[in-house]
Amino acid sequence: MRFKAVIALLTMSTISMAQGVIDVHSHIITPEFLSALESEGRLMDEGFPLPKYNAEAHLKWMDEAGVQTSVLTLAAPQPESAQVVRSTNEAAAQLKQEHPDRFLFCAALPLPDVDAAIREAVYALDTLKADGIKLATNVQGQYLGAPELDTLFAVLNERKAVVILHPHRPEPVNPQVMQQTPLAMQEYLSETTRAVSNMISRNVLARYSNVKVVVPHCGAYLPLSVPRMKSLAPVMQANKMVGNIDWDANLAALYYDLAGAHSPEVIRMLLTITTPDHLLYGSDYPYVAQQVLTQSLQRMRQYLAAEPDLAPFREMILHKNAEWLMGRAQTKADVNTNGGNMICRLAEIEVYPEHLAEYLSYANEVDRLSVERESGVVCLFPMQSAEDSTKIRILEIYASEQAYQQHLKTDHFLRYKQGTMHMVKSLSLPTMLPLDPDAMRLIFKKQR
């Protein structure tokens, strides 16, 4: 009980000192947008009424919850009028101008008219200074990944645009499906997975590699679908249904917001297909009650501080990754709390006795290959307790945060991680701060 009390106190202390959160998943709902949908008879297109929105209430919730900046995007459904899309983008730009430290925005586009969408993207990015582009999973049945959208992605690629995805009602849709299970409960996850899978199967994200795409709602079903796609790809290719897929390049373009049912387990599942520098906080404001959002963010802060394997990434998830992605930091090294200095960790691992020999083989291989092949890995030195051979300690030293993140993406690390998950009884990854950073550098300058 005393241990839990200490953890709770440390958690609350950490929360009080944390910098403001960046929310990459929030929506703007303007009166013009609502009026247009009403005149089109489409207020219930998504199966539920749109919530009310005003900037004052949004800012009040942000202040109460500790959110420094919110990224605004247009809610579903997509209005038919290009002028309504333009007016919404201009309203979001006005909010950003009035509150430059509190609001960013990703502009909507008047799809399925690709030429009009390109014109609006250029205007929004160049004139309105939009921070990115919001794309629906589909508009009137035109799904992301469709060949006719390649010209749009070429323009976004030239401007190194951030794209925030959001699911819309599938087209076509069986109304009975919506009556039995509301879209937000299940079909939105399918829609997101479908759109991203379409882009991957056509190498859209690999071919337009300057575009960074934020996938909503904890990655939808992608942690399950990506391994399935990989396993089925050879059969599909043999039947000329898809071509060669550059999995690494496609997946490298994807970032994931944690709006919705986040948890330590969900984050760990996402980390099977991505790395911690690609995870972002998202609220889904104003679709969820403010009290629920505040409690949800508080819970995230607590488990990110308390869970040993996730704690090193707390600040990255809450704000640092978004600072880099949204252009608030010039490089990923700029958001590193160590200012680009060396990172030291002492991994504390306990292995099940029946797996000890196999684990040691994996550990020795990954440590040797990492030091040999990665210039940013200064030291990975595994040690075994003389009193208890199942207790392993690994001294880890990386040249920088960027070097550490790159290490997590290597084939040899992923092989180690996936191969030993069932062998490890417990794992702790505390980050150690050197008492004298200059002395550390002197150590590595010494010649043998």
Protein backbone atom coordinates (compact mmCIF):
# COMPACT_ATOMS: atom_id res chain seq x y z
CA MET A 1 0.00 0.00 0.00
CA ARG A 2 2.85 2.39 0.79
CA PHE A 3 4.30 1.75 -2.69
CA LYS A 4 0.95 2.65 -4.32
CA ALA A 5 0.74 5.82 -2.23
CA VAL A 6 4.21 6.89 -3.33
CA ILE A 7 3.31 6.24 -6.98
CA ALA A 8 0.15 8.32 -6.59
CA LEU A 9 2.06 11.23 -5.06
CA LEU A 10 4.72 11.10 -7.75
CA THR A 11 2.02 10.95 -10.42
CA MET A 12 0.22 14.03 -9.12
CA SER A 13 3.52 15.89 -8.76
CA THR A 14 4.45 15.02 -12.33
CA ILE A 15 1.05 16.12 -13.62
CA SER A 16 1.32 19.49 -11.91
CA MET A 17 4.67 20.14 -13.56
CA ALA A 18 3.68 18.88 -17.02
CA GLN A 19 3.56 21.30 -19.88
CA GLY A 20 0.30 22.03 -21.67
CA VAL A 21 -1.16 19.22 -23.74
CA ILE A 22 -1.62 19.47 -27.52
CA ASP A 23 -4.93 18.04 -28.72
CA VAL A 24 -4.78 16.98 -32.38
CA HIS A 25 -8.40 15.80 -32.57
CA SER A 26 -11.05 18.48 -32.04
CA HIS A 27 -13.79 19.85 -34.29
CA ILE A 28 -15.15 23.22 -35.30
CA ILE A 29 -18.89 23.39 -36.03
CA THR A 30 -19.91 26.77 -37.42
CA PRO A 31 -23.45 28.19 -37.81
CA GLU A 32 -22.94 28.31 -41.60
CA PHE A 33 -22.03 24.63 -41.62
CA LEU A 34 -25.12 23.68 -39.61
CA SER A 35 -27.37 25.86 -41.76
CA ALA A 36 -26.02 24.29 -44.94
CA LEU A 37 -26.60 20.76 -43.66
CA GLU A 38 -30.12 21.68 -42.59
CA SER A 39 -30.95 23.08 -46.03
CA GLU A 40 -29.54 19.91 -47.61
CA GLY A 41 -31.59 17.72 -45.25
CA ARG A 42 -28.41 16.09 -43.95
CA LEU A 43 -28.24 16.99 -40.26
CA MET A 44 -28.61 13.30 -39.34
CA ASP A 45 -26.39 11.88 -42.10
CA GLU A 46 -24.01 10.39 -39.53
CA GLY A 47 -26.81 8.90 -37.46
CA PHE A 48 -26.62 11.35 -34.55
CA PRO A 49 -27.10 15.11 -34.07
CA LEU A 50 -24.11 17.45 -34.22
CA PRO A 51 -23.14 18.99 -30.87
CA LYS A 52 -23.14 22.71 -30.26
CA TYR A 53 -19.81 24.51 -30.54
CA ASN A 54 -18.41 27.88 -29.56
CA ALA A 55 -14.82 28.90 -29.06
CA GLU A 56 -15.36 30.36 -25.59
CA ALA A 57 -16.62 27.06 -24.20
CA HIS A 58 -13.78 25.23 -25.94
CA LEU A 59 -11.16 27.51 -24.41
CA LYS A 60 -12.78 27.18 -20.98
CA TRP A 61 -12.55 23.39 -21.16
CA MET A 62 -8.94 23.57 -22.40
CA ASP A 63 -7.99 25.76 -19.45
CA GLU A 64 -9.68 23.44 -16.97
CA ALA A 65 -8.18 20.26 -18.45
CA GLY A 66 -4.67 21.63 -19.02
CA VAL A 67 -4.79 21.60 -22.83
CA GLN A 68 -2.56 24.32 -24.25
CA THR A 69 -3.43 23.99 -27.96
CA SER A 70 -6.20 22.32 -29.97
CA VAL A 71 -6.09 21.46 -33.67
CA LEU A 72 -9.47 22.20 -35.26
CA THR A 73 -10.97 20.20 -38.12
CA LEU A 74 -14.37 20.24 -39.80
CA ALA A 75 -16.80 17.69 -38.40
CA ALA A 76 -18.69 15.11 -40.47
CA PRO A 77 -20.65 15.10 -42.74
CA GLN A 78 -19.02 16.84 -45.68
CA PRO A 79 -21.12 19.81 -46.91
CA GLU A 80 -21.99 19.80 -50.60
CA SER A 81 -21.09 23.46 -51.11
CA ALA A 82 -17.47 24.48 -51.75
CA GLN A 83 -18.37 27.91 -50.37
CA VAL A 84 -19.40 26.41 -47.04
CA VAL A 85 -16.08 24.55 -46.91
CA ARG A 86 -14.28 27.84 -47.61
CA SER A 87 -16.25 29.73 -44.94
CA THR A 88 -15.45 27.04 -42.35
CA ASN A 89 -11.75 27.20 -43.19
CA GLU A 90 -11.80 30.98 -42.89
CA ALA A 91 -13.61 30.77 -39.55
CA ALA A 92 -10.97 28.37 -38.25
CA ALA A 93 -8.20 30.65 -39.55
CA GLN A 94 -9.83 33.57 -37.74
CA LEU A 95 -9.86 31.63 -34.46
CA LYS A 96 -6.20 30.82 -34.90
CA GLN A 97 -5.42 34.48 -35.57
CA GLU A 98 -7.34 35.57 -32.47
CA HIS A 99 -5.80 32.86 -30.26
CA PRO A 100 -2.46 31.97 -31.90
CA ASP A 101 -1.18 29.93 -28.96
CA ARG A 102 -4.45 28.06 -28.41
CA PHE A 103 -5.78 27.02 -31.82
CA LEU A 104 -4.31 25.46 -34.95
CA PHE A 105 -6.43 24.13 -37.82
CA CYS A 106 -6.43 21.66 -40.67
CA ALA A 107 -8.49 22.85 -43.63
CA ALA A 108 -11.35 20.89 -45.19
CA LEU A 109 -11.48 20.35 -48.95
CA PRO A 110 -14.52 20.34 -51.32
CA LEU A 111 -14.17 16.76 -52.53
CA PRO A 112 -15.10 14.78 -54.60
CA ASP A 113 -14.17 17.62 -57.04
CA VAL A 114 -10.41 17.04 -57.12
CA ASP A 115 -9.56 20.22 -59.03
CA ALA A 116 -11.58 22.33 -56.58
CA ALA A 117 -9.95 20.48 -53.68
CA ILE A 118 -6.48 21.30 -55.01
CA ARG A 119 -7.39 24.98 -55.34
CA GLU A 120 -8.74 25.04 -51.78
CA ALA A 121 -5.68 23.22 -50.43
CA VAL A 122 -3.35 25.76 -52.04
CA TYR A 123 -5.44 28.67 -50.76
CA ALA A 124 -5.73 27.23 -47.25
CA LEU A 125 -2.05 26.35 -46.88
CA ASP A 126 -0.57 29.38 -48.64
CA THR A 127 -3.04 32.16 -47.78
CA LEU A 128 -4.90 31.09 -44.66
CA LYS A 129 -1.72 29.49 -43.25
CA ALA A 130 -3.51 26.28 -42.36
CA ASP A 131 -1.45 23.85 -40.30
CA GLY A 132 -2.56 20.92 -42.41
CA ILE A 133 -5.44 19.35 -44.28
CA LYS A 134 -8.40 17.33 -43.04
CA LEU A 135 -9.53 14.47 -45.27
CA ALA A 136 -12.61 12.31 -44.87
CA THR A 137 -12.29 8.57 -45.31
CA ASN A 138 -14.69 8.97 -48.22
CA VAL A 139 -16.83 11.66 -49.81
CA GLN A 140 -19.81 10.40 -51.82
CA GLY A 141 -18.08 7.07 -52.27
CA GLN A 142 -14.73 8.52 -53.37
CA TYR A 143 -12.38 6.73 -50.96
CA LEU A 144 -8.87 7.70 -50.02
CA GLY A 145 -6.47 5.67 -52.10
CA ALA A 146 -8.51 6.19 -55.26
CA PRO A 147 -6.27 6.90 -58.32
CA GLU A 148 -8.04 10.21 -59.07
CA LEU A 149 -6.75 11.58 -55.77
CA ASP A 150 -3.09 11.16 -56.75
CA THR A 151 -2.90 14.69 -58.17
CA LEU A 152 -4.15 16.08 -54.84
CA PHE A 153 -1.59 14.06 -52.90
CA ALA A 154 1.13 15.32 -55.24
CA VAL A 155 0.24 18.90 -54.24
CA LEU A 156 0.15 17.98 -50.54
CA ASN A 157 3.48 16.23 -50.94
CA GLU A 158 5.09 19.36 -52.42
CA ARG A 159 3.99 21.31 -49.36
CA LYS A 160 4.95 18.57 -46.86
CA ALA A 161 1.42 18.69 -45.52
CA VAL A 162 0.09 17.10 -42.37
CA VAL A 163 -3.21 15.31 -43.08
CA ILE A 164 -5.69 14.54 -40.33
CA LEU A 165 -8.12 11.78 -41.24
CA HIS A 166 -11.64 11.42 -39.93
CA PRO A 167 -14.21 8.72 -40.66
CA HIS A 168 -17.44 9.62 -42.43
CA ARG A 169 -20.49 7.53 -43.19
CA PRO A 170 -19.59 4.72 -45.60
CA GLU A 171 -20.96 4.93 -49.14
CA PRO A 172 -23.05 3.07 -49.96
CA VAL A 173 -24.49 2.25 -46.55
CA ASN A 174 -27.28 -0.06 -45.48
CA PRO A 175 -29.55 2.04 -43.21
CA GLN A 176 -30.28 -1.07 -41.16
CA VAL A 177 -26.61 -1.20 -40.16
CA MET A 178 -26.85 2.29 -38.69
CA GLN A 179 -30.04 1.45 -36.80
CA GLN A 180 -28.58 -1.63 -35.15
CA THR A 181 -25.15 -0.17 -34.29
CA PRO A 182 -24.47 3.59 -34.49
CA LEU A 183 -21.64 4.49 -36.85
CA ALA A 184 -19.40 5.87 -34.11
CA MET A 185 -19.49 2.56 -32.22
CA GLN A 186 -18.14 0.34 -34.97
CA GLU A 187 -18.39 1.44 -38.60
CA TYR A 188 -16.20 4.51 -38.05
CA LEU A 189 -13.39 2.15 -37.08
CA SER A 190 -13.99 0.08 -40.21
CA GLU A 191 -14.08 3.24 -42.35
CA THR A 192 -10.75 4.45 -41.01
CA THR A 193 -9.12 1.05 -41.46
CA ARG A 194 -10.56 0.75 -44.98
CA ALA A 195 -9.25 4.16 -46.08
CA VAL A 196 -5.75 3.63 -44.68
CA SER A 197 -5.59 0.10 -46.12
CA ASN A 198 -6.57 1.49 -49.52
CA MET A 199 -3.71 3.98 -49.39
CA ILE A 200 -1.22 1.34 -48.29
CA SER A 201 -2.25 -1.13 -51.00
CA ARG A 202 -1.54 1.48 -53.67
CA ASN A 203 1.63 2.78 -51.97
CA VAL A 204 0.12 6.27 -51.74
CA LEU A 205 1.98 7.09 -48.54
CA ALA A 206 5.23 5.63 -49.89
CA ARG A 207 4.96 7.52 -53.19
CA TYR A 208 4.11 10.81 -51.47
CA SER A 209 6.45 10.38 -48.53
CA ASN A 210 6.44 14.04 -47.45
CA VAL A 211 2.79 13.72 -46.38
CA LYS A 212 2.26 12.77 -42.73
CA VAL A 213 -1.14 11.24 -41.92
CA VAL A 214 -2.81 11.23 -38.49
CA VAL A 215 -5.07 8.21 -38.03
CA PRO A 216 -7.88 8.85 -35.51
CA HIS A 217 -9.38 6.85 -32.66
CA CYS A 218 -6.36 4.82 -31.50
CA GLY A 219 -5.59 3.54 -34.99
CA ALA A 220 -9.00 1.91 -35.47
CA TYR A 221 -8.42 -1.76 -36.44
CA LEU A 222 -4.97 -1.23 -37.96
CA PRO A 223 -3.01 -3.13 -35.26
CA LEU A 224 -5.05 -6.18 -36.29
CA SER A 225 -5.39 -5.51 -40.02
CA VAL A 226 -1.76 -4.64 -40.85
CA PRO A 227 -0.39 -8.10 -39.91
CA ARG A 228 -3.27 -9.68 -41.84
CA MET A 229 -2.56 -7.54 -44.89
CA LYS A 230 1.09 -8.50 -44.76
CA SER A 231 0.28 -12.21 -44.54
CA LEU A 232 -2.20 -12.07 -47.43
CA ALA A 233 -0.16 -9.77 -49.69
CA PRO A 234 1.78 -12.58 -51.43
CA VAL A 235 -1.47 -14.33 -52.40
CA MET A 236 -2.98 -11.06 -53.62
CA GLN A 237 0.15 -10.27 -55.60
CA ALA A 238 0.26 -13.74 -57.15
CA ASN A 239 -3.29 -13.14 -58.40
CA LYS A 240 -2.34 -9.65 -59.64
CA MET A 241 -4.82 -8.01 -57.26
CA VAL A 242 -2.18 -5.70 -55.74
CA GLY A 243 1.38 -4.80 -56.60
CA ASN A 244 4.45 -4.73 -54.40
CA ILE A 245 3.84 -2.83 -51.16
CA ASP A 246 6.52 -0.81 -49.41
CA TRP A 247 5.35 -1.56 -45.88
CA ASP A 248 8.07 0.40 -44.08
CA ALA A 249 7.57 3.59 -46.10
CA ASN A 250 3.78 3.46 -45.84
CA LEU A 251 3.71 2.81 -42.11
CA ALA A 252 6.38 5.46 -41.45
CA ALA A 253 3.94 8.13 -42.68
CA LEU A 254 1.23 7.20 -40.17
CA TYR A 255 0.67 8.87 -36.80
CA TYR A 256 -2.08 7.92 -34.38
CA ASP A 257 -4.25 10.02 -32.10
CA LEU A 258 -5.53 8.44 -28.90
CA ALA A 259 -9.04 9.89 -28.95
CA GLY A 260 -11.64 7.43 -27.72
CA ALA A 261 -11.00 4.24 -25.78
CA HIS A 262 -7.33 4.75 -24.93
CA SER A 263 -5.62 2.61 -22.30
CA PRO A 264 -2.14 1.21 -21.59
CA GLU A 265 -3.19 -1.96 -23.40
CA VAL A 266 -4.29 -0.04 -26.50
CA ILE A 267 -1.03 1.91 -26.59
CA ARG A 268 0.98 -1.29 -26.32
CA MET A 269 -1.01 -2.76 -29.19
CA LEU A 270 -0.32 0.32 -31.32
CA LEU A 271 3.37 -0.06 -30.56
CA THR A 272 3.33 -3.36 -32.46
CA ILE A 273 2.91 -1.36 -35.70
CA THR A 274 4.49 2.00 -34.85
CA THR A 275 6.90 3.74 -32.49
CA PRO A 276 6.28 6.06 -29.50
CA ASP A 277 7.17 9.19 -31.50
CA HIS A 278 4.07 8.59 -33.66
CA LEU A 279 1.49 8.69 -30.84
CA LEU A 280 -0.55 11.84 -30.11
CA TYR A 281 -3.20 12.95 -27.65
CA GLY A 282 -6.69 13.59 -29.04
CA SER A 283 -9.95 14.50 -27.30
CA ASP A 284 -12.73 14.49 -29.98
CA TYR A 285 -14.11 17.74 -28.53
CA PRO A 286 -17.04 18.64 -28.58
CA TYR A 287 -18.51 15.19 -29.28
CA VAL A 288 -17.84 13.97 -25.73
CA ALA A 289 -19.04 15.64 -22.53
CA GLN A 290 -16.43 17.99 -21.11
CA GLN A 291 -16.36 16.27 -17.71
CA VAL A 292 -15.74 12.92 -19.39
CA LEU A 293 -12.93 14.39 -21.50
CA THR A 294 -11.27 15.92 -18.45
CA GLN A 295 -11.44 12.66 -16.53
CA SER A 296 -10.15 10.75 -19.55
CA LEU A 297 -7.13 13.04 -19.90
CA GLN A 298 -6.44 12.81 -16.17
CA ARG A 299 -6.51 9.03 -16.40
CA MET A 300 -4.09 9.10 -19.36
CA ARG A 301 -1.68 11.31 -17.46
CA GLN A 302 -1.79 8.96 -14.51
CA TYR A 303 -1.12 5.73 -16.34
CA LEU A 304 1.54 7.31 -18.53
CA ALA A 305 3.32 8.30 -15.34
CA ALA A 306 2.76 5.02 -13.48
CA GLU A 307 3.32 2.36 -16.15
CA PRO A 308 7.11 1.72 -16.27
CA ASP A 309 7.25 0.81 -19.96
CA LEU A 310 5.16 3.83 -21.03
CA ALA A 311 6.44 6.49 -18.63
CA PRO A 312 9.46 7.44 -20.80
CA PHE A 313 7.04 8.48 -23.55
CA ARG A 314 4.55 10.50 -21.46
CA GLU A 315 5.64 13.97 -22.52
CA MET A 316 6.10 12.80 -26.11
CA ILE A 317 2.51 11.57 -26.32
CA LEU A 318 0.95 14.49 -24.48
CA HIS A 319 2.64 17.27 -26.43
CA LYS A 320 6.17 16.79 -27.76
CA ASN A 321 5.30 14.61 -30.78
CA ALA A 322 2.59 17.07 -31.80
CA GLU A 323 4.98 20.01 -31.41
CA TRP A 324 7.24 18.46 -34.02
CA LEU A 325 4.47 17.22 -36.32
CA MET A 326 2.60 20.53 -36.38
CA GLY A 327 5.74 22.57 -37.00
CA ARG A 328 6.23 23.95 -33.50
CA ALA A 329 9.73 22.43 -33.39
CA GLN A 330 12.20 22.39 -36.28
CA THR A 331 13.47 18.86 -35.62
CA LYS A 332 12.55 15.97 -33.39
CA ALA A 333 15.68 16.66 -31.39
CA ASP A 334 14.21 20.05 -30.46
CA VAL A 335 11.43 18.40 -28.47
CA ASN A 336 13.74 16.11 -26.56
CA THR A 337 13.80 16.97 -22.87
CA ASN A 338 17.52 16.24 -22.82
CA GLY A 339 18.14 18.85 -25.51
CA GLY A 340 19.66 16.26 -27.83
CA ASN A 341 22.06 14.96 -25.16
CA MET A 342 22.77 11.31 -24.50
CA ILE A 343 19.98 9.15 -23.08
CA CYS A 344 20.88 6.67 -20.33
CA ARG A 345 18.65 3.81 -19.21
CA LEU A 346 19.14 0.79 -17.02
CA ALA A 347 16.59 -1.76 -18.25
CA GLU A 348 15.49 -4.02 -15.41
CA ILE A 349 14.13 -7.33 -16.72
CA GLU A 350 13.03 -10.54 -15.05
CA VAL A 351 12.70 -13.57 -17.31
CA TYR A 352 10.69 -16.74 -16.75
CA PRO A 353 13.21 -19.49 -15.85
CA GLU A 354 12.01 -21.86 -18.57
CA HIS A 355 12.76 -19.22 -21.24
CA LEU A 356 16.08 -17.96 -19.84
CA ALA A 357 18.46 -19.57 -22.34
CA GLU A 358 16.40 -18.53 -25.34
CA TYR A 359 15.99 -14.98 -23.99
CA LEU A 360 19.75 -14.59 -23.49
CA SER A 361 20.31 -15.61 -27.10
CA TYR A 362 17.89 -12.92 -28.31
CA ALA A 363 19.37 -10.29 -25.98
CA ASN A 364 22.97 -10.94 -27.00
CA GLU A 365 22.05 -10.78 -30.68
CA VAL A 366 20.12 -7.49 -30.52
CA ASP A 367 22.76 -5.83 -28.34
CA ARG A 368 25.61 -6.86 -30.64
CA LEU A 369 23.81 -5.88 -33.87
CA SER A 370 22.63 -2.55 -32.43
CA VAL A 371 26.13 -1.46 -31.43
CA GLU A 372 27.65 -2.70 -34.69
CA ARG A 373 25.08 -1.22 -37.07
CA GLU A 374 23.69 1.90 -35.38
CA SER A 375 25.96 4.88 -34.90
CA GLY A 376 23.50 6.40 -32.42
CA VAL A 377 23.63 3.39 -30.09
CA VAL A 378 26.59 4.14 -27.84
CA CYS A 379 26.12 1.20 -25.50
CA LEU A 380 23.80 -1.77 -25.02
CA PHE A 381 25.45 -3.95 -22.40
CA PRO A 382 23.44 -6.85 -20.90
CA MET A 383 24.34 -8.19 -17.46
CA GLN A 384 23.02 -11.08 -15.40
CA SER A 385 22.55 -11.03 -11.64
CA ALA A 386 25.03 -13.30 -9.87
CA GLU A 387 22.41 -14.07 -7.21
CA ASP A 388 19.45 -14.67 -9.53
CA SER A 389 20.19 -15.55 -13.17
CA THR A 390 16.63 -14.69 -14.27
CA LYS A 391 17.24 -11.02 -13.43
CA ILE A 392 18.83 -9.18 -16.34
CA ARG A 393 20.08 -5.59 -16.39
CA ILE A 394 20.92 -3.82 -19.65
CA LEU A 395 22.87 -0.58 -19.61
CA GLU A 396 21.54 1.48 -22.53
CA ILE A 397 23.16 4.69 -23.79
CA TYR A 398 21.93 6.46 -26.92
CA ALA A 399 23.48 9.50 -28.58
CA SER A 400 20.12 11.33 -28.63
CA GLU A 401 16.36 10.90 -28.49
CA GLN A 402 16.35 10.68 -32.27
CA ALA A 403 18.88 7.83 -32.17
CA TYR A 404 16.72 6.00 -29.63
CA GLN A 405 13.58 6.37 -31.74
CA GLN A 406 15.44 5.14 -34.81
CA HIS A 407 16.67 2.13 -32.83
CA LEU A 408 13.07 1.15 -32.04
CA LYS A 409 12.32 0.85 -35.78
CA THR A 410 15.20 -1.46 -36.70
CA ASP A 411 14.56 -5.02 -37.82
CA HIS A 412 16.82 -6.50 -35.16
CA PHE A 413 15.05 -4.66 -32.32
CA LEU A 414 11.58 -5.57 -33.61
CA ARG A 415 12.68 -9.20 -33.92
CA TYR A 416 13.90 -9.12 -30.30
CA LYS A 417 10.73 -7.39 -29.04
CA GLN A 418 8.30 -9.71 -30.80
CA GLY A 419 10.30 -12.84 -30.05
CA THR A 420 10.70 -12.27 -26.30
CA MET A 421 7.39 -10.73 -25.22
CA HIS A 422 6.14 -14.05 -23.78
CA MET A 423 9.47 -14.70 -22.03
CA VAL A 424 9.54 -11.56 -19.86
CA LYS A 425 7.91 -11.68 -16.43
CA SER A 426 8.52 -8.00 -15.62
CA LEU A 427 10.12 -4.99 -17.29
CA SER A 428 11.13 -1.56 -16.04
CA LEU A 429 12.75 1.11 -18.23
CA PRO A 430 13.67 4.06 -15.98
CA THR A 431 15.46 6.93 -17.70
CA MET A 432 18.55 7.95 -15.75
CA LEU A 433 19.78 11.54 -15.63
CA PRO A 434 23.57 11.91 -15.36
CA LEU A 435 24.71 13.95 -12.37
CA ASP A 436 27.56 15.34 -14.48
CA PRO A 437 26.78 15.22 -18.25
CA ASP A 438 30.22 16.57 -19.14
CA ALA A 439 31.87 13.68 -17.33
CA MET A 440 29.90 11.23 -19.48
CA ARG A 441 31.39 12.71 -22.63
CA LEU A 442 34.88 12.47 -21.15
CA ILE A 443 34.37 8.75 -20.57
CA PHE A 444 33.77 8.12 -24.25
CA LYS A 445 36.72 10.24 -25.32
CA LYS A 446 39.18 8.09 -23.40
CA GLN A 447 41.28 5.66 -25.41
CA ARG A 448 41.89 2.13 -24.24
